[in-house]
Amino acid sequence: MDKRLDIKLNGKRHIVGLLRGYDNFMNLVLENTVEVTSKGNKEIGTVIIRGNSVVMWECLDKVHIK
């Protein structure tokens, strides 16, 4: 949690945001979210992403495993 994620969604959408929460279905809550498009970036704030819309995700911050 509290890590920046780069997420590819179905419909060729692409967002980057700060992970604030998730559940067993991989539904995600992101803050400070930016939608990345070919025309530039658009700030969209806090969003809830349905898990089955996620095609791929990548953590942009370093992850420490205990």
C-alpha atoms as a PDB file:
ATOM      1  CA  MET A   1       0.000   0.000   0.000  1.00  0.00           C
ATOM      2  CA  ASP A   2       1.008   3.628  -0.436  1.00  0.00           C
ATOM      3  CA  LYS A   3       3.009   2.743  -3.560  1.00  0.00           C
ATOM      4  CA  ARG A   4       2.684   4.338  -6.992  1.00  0.00           C
ATOM      5  CA  LEU A   5       1.244   1.969  -9.589  1.00  0.00           C
ATOM      6  CA  ASP A   6       1.314   2.146 -13.375  1.00  0.00           C
ATOM      7  CA  ILE A   7      -1.847   0.377 -14.551  1.00  0.00           C
ATOM      8  CA  LYS A   8      -2.996  -0.660 -18.026  1.00  0.00           C
ATOM      9  CA  LEU A   9      -6.777  -1.073 -18.266  1.00  0.00           C
ATOM     10  CA  ASN A  10      -8.989  -2.677 -20.866  1.00  0.00           C
ATOM     11  CA  GLY A  11      -9.967  -0.320 -23.669  1.00  0.00           C
ATOM     12  CA  LYS A  12      -6.300   0.745 -24.026  1.00  0.00           C
ATOM     13  CA  ARG A  13      -6.541   3.091 -21.030  1.00  0.00           C
ATOM     14  CA  HIS A  14      -3.465   3.835 -18.929  1.00  0.00           C
ATOM     15  CA  ILE A  15      -3.370   5.390 -15.447  1.00  0.00           C
ATOM     16  CA  VAL A  16      -0.792   6.090 -12.747  1.00  0.00           C
ATOM     17  CA  GLY A  17      -1.804   6.564  -9.118  1.00  0.00           C
ATOM     18  CA  LEU A  18      -1.049   5.994  -5.443  1.00  0.00           C
ATOM     19  CA  LEU A  19      -2.493   2.724  -4.097  1.00  0.00           C
ATOM     20  CA  ARG A  20      -4.669   3.354  -1.021  1.00  0.00           C
ATOM     21  CA  GLY A  21      -6.644   0.113  -0.843  1.00  0.00           C
ATOM     22  CA  TYR A  22      -7.652  -3.150  -2.501  1.00  0.00           C
ATOM     23  CA  ASP A  23      -9.826  -6.216  -1.889  1.00  0.00           C
ATOM     24  CA  ASN A  24      -9.921  -9.935  -2.750  1.00  0.00           C
ATOM     25  CA  PHE A  25     -11.267  -9.177  -6.256  1.00  0.00           C
ATOM     26  CA  MET A  26      -8.324  -6.816  -6.944  1.00  0.00           C
ATOM     27  CA  ASN A  27     -10.620  -3.791  -6.942  1.00  0.00           C
ATOM     28  CA  LEU A  28      -8.269  -0.863  -6.332  1.00  0.00           C
ATOM     29  CA  VAL A  29      -8.568   2.554  -4.694  1.00  0.00           C
ATOM     30  CA  LEU A  30      -6.052   5.056  -6.073  1.00  0.00           C
ATOM     31  CA  GLU A  31      -5.357   8.675  -5.111  1.00  0.00           C
ATOM     32  CA  ASN A  32      -3.583  11.442  -7.029  1.00  0.00           C
ATOM     33  CA  THR A  33      -4.378   9.516 -10.194  1.00  0.00           C
ATOM     34  CA  VAL A  34      -3.312  10.674 -13.639  1.00  0.00           C
ATOM     35  CA  GLU A  35      -4.722   9.305 -16.900  1.00  0.00           C
ATOM     36  CA  VAL A  36      -1.949   9.018 -19.482  1.00  0.00           C
ATOM     37  CA  THR A  37      -3.017   9.619 -23.095  1.00  0.00           C
ATOM     38  CA  SER A  38      -1.289  10.411 -26.363  1.00  0.00           C
ATOM     39  CA  LYS A  39      -2.607  13.986 -26.001  1.00  0.00           C
ATOM     40  CA  GLY A  40      -1.004  14.427 -22.571  1.00  0.00           C
ATOM     41  CA  ASN A  41      -1.754  13.655 -18.949  1.00  0.00           C
ATOM     42  CA  LYS A  42      -5.067  14.419 -17.233  1.00  0.00           C
ATOM     43  CA  GLU A  43      -5.362  14.567 -13.433  1.00  0.00           C
ATOM     44  CA  ILE A  44      -8.435  12.585 -12.338  1.00  0.00           C
ATOM     45  CA  GLY A  45      -7.898  12.486  -8.550  1.00  0.00           C
ATOM     46  CA  THR A  46      -9.255   9.617  -6.443  1.00  0.00           C
ATOM     47  CA  VAL A  47     -10.628   6.633  -8.371  1.00  0.00           C
ATOM     48  CA  ILE A  48     -11.952   3.141  -7.748  1.00  0.00           C
ATOM     49  CA  ILE A  49     -10.889   0.608 -10.391  1.00  0.00           C
ATOM     50  CA  ARG A  50     -12.807  -2.621 -10.828  1.00  0.00           C
ATOM     51  CA  GLY A  51     -10.410  -5.566 -10.664  1.00  0.00           C
ATOM     52  CA  ASN A  52     -11.535  -7.223 -13.893  1.00  0.00           C
ATOM     53  CA  SER A  53     -10.669  -4.013 -15.798  1.00  0.00           C
ATOM     54  CA  VAL A  54      -6.970  -4.364 -14.963  1.00  0.00           C
ATOM     55  CA  VAL A  55      -4.894  -5.865 -17.774  1.00  0.00           C
ATOM     56  CA  MET A  56      -1.457  -5.239 -16.236  1.00  0.00           C
ATOM     57  CA  TRP A  57       0.083  -3.296 -13.374  1.00  0.00           C
ATOM     58  CA  GLU A  58       3.591  -2.338 -12.326  1.00  0.00           C
ATOM     59  CA  CYS A  59       4.817  -0.890  -9.040  1.00  0.00           C
ATOM     60  CA  LEU A  60       6.866   2.257  -9.685  1.00  0.00           C
ATOM     61  CA  ASP A  61       8.264   2.473  -6.129  1.00  0.00           C
ATOM     62  CA  LYS A  62      10.795   0.201  -4.505  1.00  0.00           C
ATOM     63  CA  VAL A  63       9.161  -2.665  -2.582  1.00  0.00           C
ATOM     64  CA  HIS A  64      10.786  -3.968   0.597  1.00  0.00           C
ATOM     65  CA  ILE A  65       9.978  -7.605   1.433  1.00  0.00           C
ATOM     66  CA  LYS A  66      10.307  -8.553   5.085  1.00  0.00           C
END
